[in-house]
């Protein structure tokens, strides 16, 4: 897509988080990112200092993380966790149990708000 097509599609079809629905500004279109820097389509460099997202710790386009994601995706990208399990989940749960405070006996993996209620209920019963 061209820069103009990206901006048009963004304006026409996307609601952004933490942004008013009737946004008076055009969003900044990012072409690429590396380390702590974002690069715009018009050649500007922006330091990505949003501290709440994981890329600040590891940087954008981190080769080690990208390779690990690639390797995992070549084995299995995703399997529904309702009724199924797999080695990466078992390993992560085992490692987390080693560092959690005493008294915890189960892990619940969640990736969205709707399952957070299920997590809270299961933690309460735990």
Protein backbone atom coordinates (compact mmCIF):
# COMPACT_ATOMS: atom_id res chain seq x y z
CA UNK A 1 0.00 0.00 0.00
CA UNK A 2 1.13 3.54 -0.61
CA UNK A 3 1.48 5.97 2.27
CA UNK A 4 -1.70 7.72 1.13
CA UNK A 5 -3.62 4.42 0.93
CA UNK A 6 -2.51 3.51 4.45
CA UNK A 7 -3.70 6.83 5.84
CA UNK A 8 -7.04 6.59 3.98
CA UNK A 9 -7.70 3.03 5.16
CA UNK A 10 -6.71 4.04 8.68
CA UNK A 11 -9.13 6.98 8.67
CA UNK A 12 -11.94 4.97 7.05
CA UNK A 13 -11.72 1.68 8.94
CA UNK A 14 -9.73 1.84 12.19
CA UNK A 15 -10.58 2.95 15.72
CA UNK A 16 -7.39 3.48 17.69
CA UNK A 17 -7.02 2.82 21.43
CA UNK A 18 -6.66 5.85 23.71
CA UNK A 19 -7.84 8.08 20.87
CA UNK A 20 -11.12 10.01 20.50
CA UNK A 21 -13.51 8.54 17.94
CA UNK A 22 -13.78 11.91 16.25
CA UNK A 23 -10.03 12.41 15.92
CA UNK A 24 -9.02 15.86 14.69
CA UNK A 25 -5.57 14.68 13.64
CA UNK A 26 -4.06 12.28 11.14
CA UNK A 27 -2.22 9.37 12.70
CA UNK A 28 1.51 9.07 12.08
CA UNK A 29 2.19 6.28 9.61
CA UNK A 30 5.24 4.21 10.53
CA UNK A 31 7.16 2.51 7.72
CA UNK A 32 9.61 0.53 9.87
CA UNK A 33 11.16 0.29 13.31
CA UNK A 34 14.49 -0.81 14.72
CA UNK A 35 15.65 -0.77 18.32
CA UNK A 36 14.01 2.21 20.05
CA UNK A 37 13.39 4.12 16.82
CA UNK A 38 10.35 4.41 14.57
CA UNK A 39 10.78 5.54 10.97
CA UNK A 40 8.01 7.40 9.15
CA UNK A 41 7.19 7.28 5.45
CA UNK A 42 8.51 10.83 5.05
CA UNK A 43 11.92 10.02 6.55
CA UNK A 44 11.48 11.25 10.13
CA UNK A 45 12.89 9.29 13.06
CA UNK A 46 10.88 9.10 16.27
CA UNK A 47 12.13 7.64 19.56
CA UNK A 48 9.58 5.07 20.73
CA UNK A 49 9.28 5.98 24.40
CA UNK A 50 5.88 4.40 25.12
CA UNK A 51 6.83 2.52 28.25
CA UNK A 52 3.81 0.23 28.46
CA UNK A 53 4.59 -1.97 25.46
CA UNK A 54 7.17 -4.74 25.35
CA UNK A 55 9.27 -3.37 22.51
CA UNK A 56 10.84 -0.76 24.77
CA UNK A 57 12.56 -3.49 26.72
CA UNK A 58 13.77 -5.51 23.74
CA UNK A 59 13.60 -3.02 20.87
CA UNK A 60 11.81 -3.25 17.55
CA UNK A 61 12.97 -5.82 14.99
CA UNK A 62 15.03 -7.69 17.57
CA UNK A 63 16.74 -10.47 15.60
CA UNK A 64 16.80 -12.98 18.48
CA UNK A 65 13.07 -12.53 19.19
CA UNK A 66 12.18 -12.56 15.47
CA UNK A 67 14.09 -15.84 15.00
CA UNK A 68 12.39 -17.43 18.02
CA UNK A 69 8.97 -16.38 16.69
CA UNK A 70 9.87 -17.70 13.23
CA UNK A 71 11.13 -21.01 14.62
CA UNK A 72 7.98 -21.46 16.69
CA UNK A 73 5.70 -20.49 13.80
CA UNK A 74 7.38 -23.08 11.58
CA UNK A 75 6.47 -25.73 14.18
CA UNK A 76 3.07 -24.43 15.29
CA UNK A 77 1.70 -20.88 15.21
CA UNK A 78 -1.37 -21.38 17.33
CA UNK A 79 -3.53 -24.11 18.76
CA UNK A 80 -6.73 -23.33 20.61
CA UNK A 81 -6.06 -23.86 24.31
CA UNK A 82 -9.57 -25.09 25.10
CA UNK A 83 -9.07 -28.83 25.33
CA UNK A 84 -5.54 -28.87 23.88
CA UNK A 85 -2.03 -28.30 25.22
CA UNK A 86 1.52 -28.17 23.87
CA UNK A 87 5.14 -28.17 24.99
CA UNK A 88 5.75 -24.37 24.98
CA UNK A 89 2.79 -23.85 27.34
CA UNK A 90 3.89 -26.68 29.63
CA UNK A 91 7.46 -25.35 29.77
CA UNK A 92 6.32 -21.77 30.45
CA UNK A 93 3.91 -22.88 33.19
CA UNK A 94 6.61 -25.01 34.82
CA UNK A 95 9.09 -22.12 34.78
CA UNK A 96 6.53 -19.62 36.11
CA UNK A 97 5.60 -21.92 39.00
CA UNK A 98 9.24 -21.91 40.05
CA UNK A 99 9.27 -18.12 40.53
CA UNK A 100 5.72 -17.46 41.78
CA UNK A 101 5.12 -16.93 45.51
CA UNK A 102 4.13 -19.95 47.57
CA UNK A 103 0.45 -20.82 47.46
CA UNK A 104 -0.06 -20.71 43.70
CA UNK A 105 -0.79 -24.01 42.04
CA UNK A 106 -2.17 -23.22 38.58
CA UNK A 107 -1.46 -20.92 35.64
CA UNK A 108 -4.15 -19.45 33.40
CA UNK A 109 -2.94 -17.96 30.13
CA UNK A 110 -5.03 -15.06 28.88
CA UNK A 111 -4.63 -12.68 25.97
CA UNK A 112 -7.72 -10.47 26.15
CA UNK A 113 -10.21 -8.70 28.37
CA UNK A 114 -13.09 -11.13 27.96
CA UNK A 115 -11.14 -14.01 29.43
CA UNK A 116 -9.83 -11.84 32.26
CA UNK A 117 -13.13 -12.45 34.08
CA UNK A 118 -12.60 -16.19 33.72
CA UNK A 119 -9.05 -15.75 35.04
CA UNK A 120 -10.29 -13.78 38.05
CA UNK A 121 -12.92 -16.39 38.91
CA UNK A 122 -10.47 -19.27 38.56
CA UNK A 123 -7.91 -17.43 40.71
CA UNK A 124 -10.56 -16.80 43.37
CA UNK A 125 -11.47 -20.49 43.44
CA UNK A 126 -7.79 -21.47 43.46
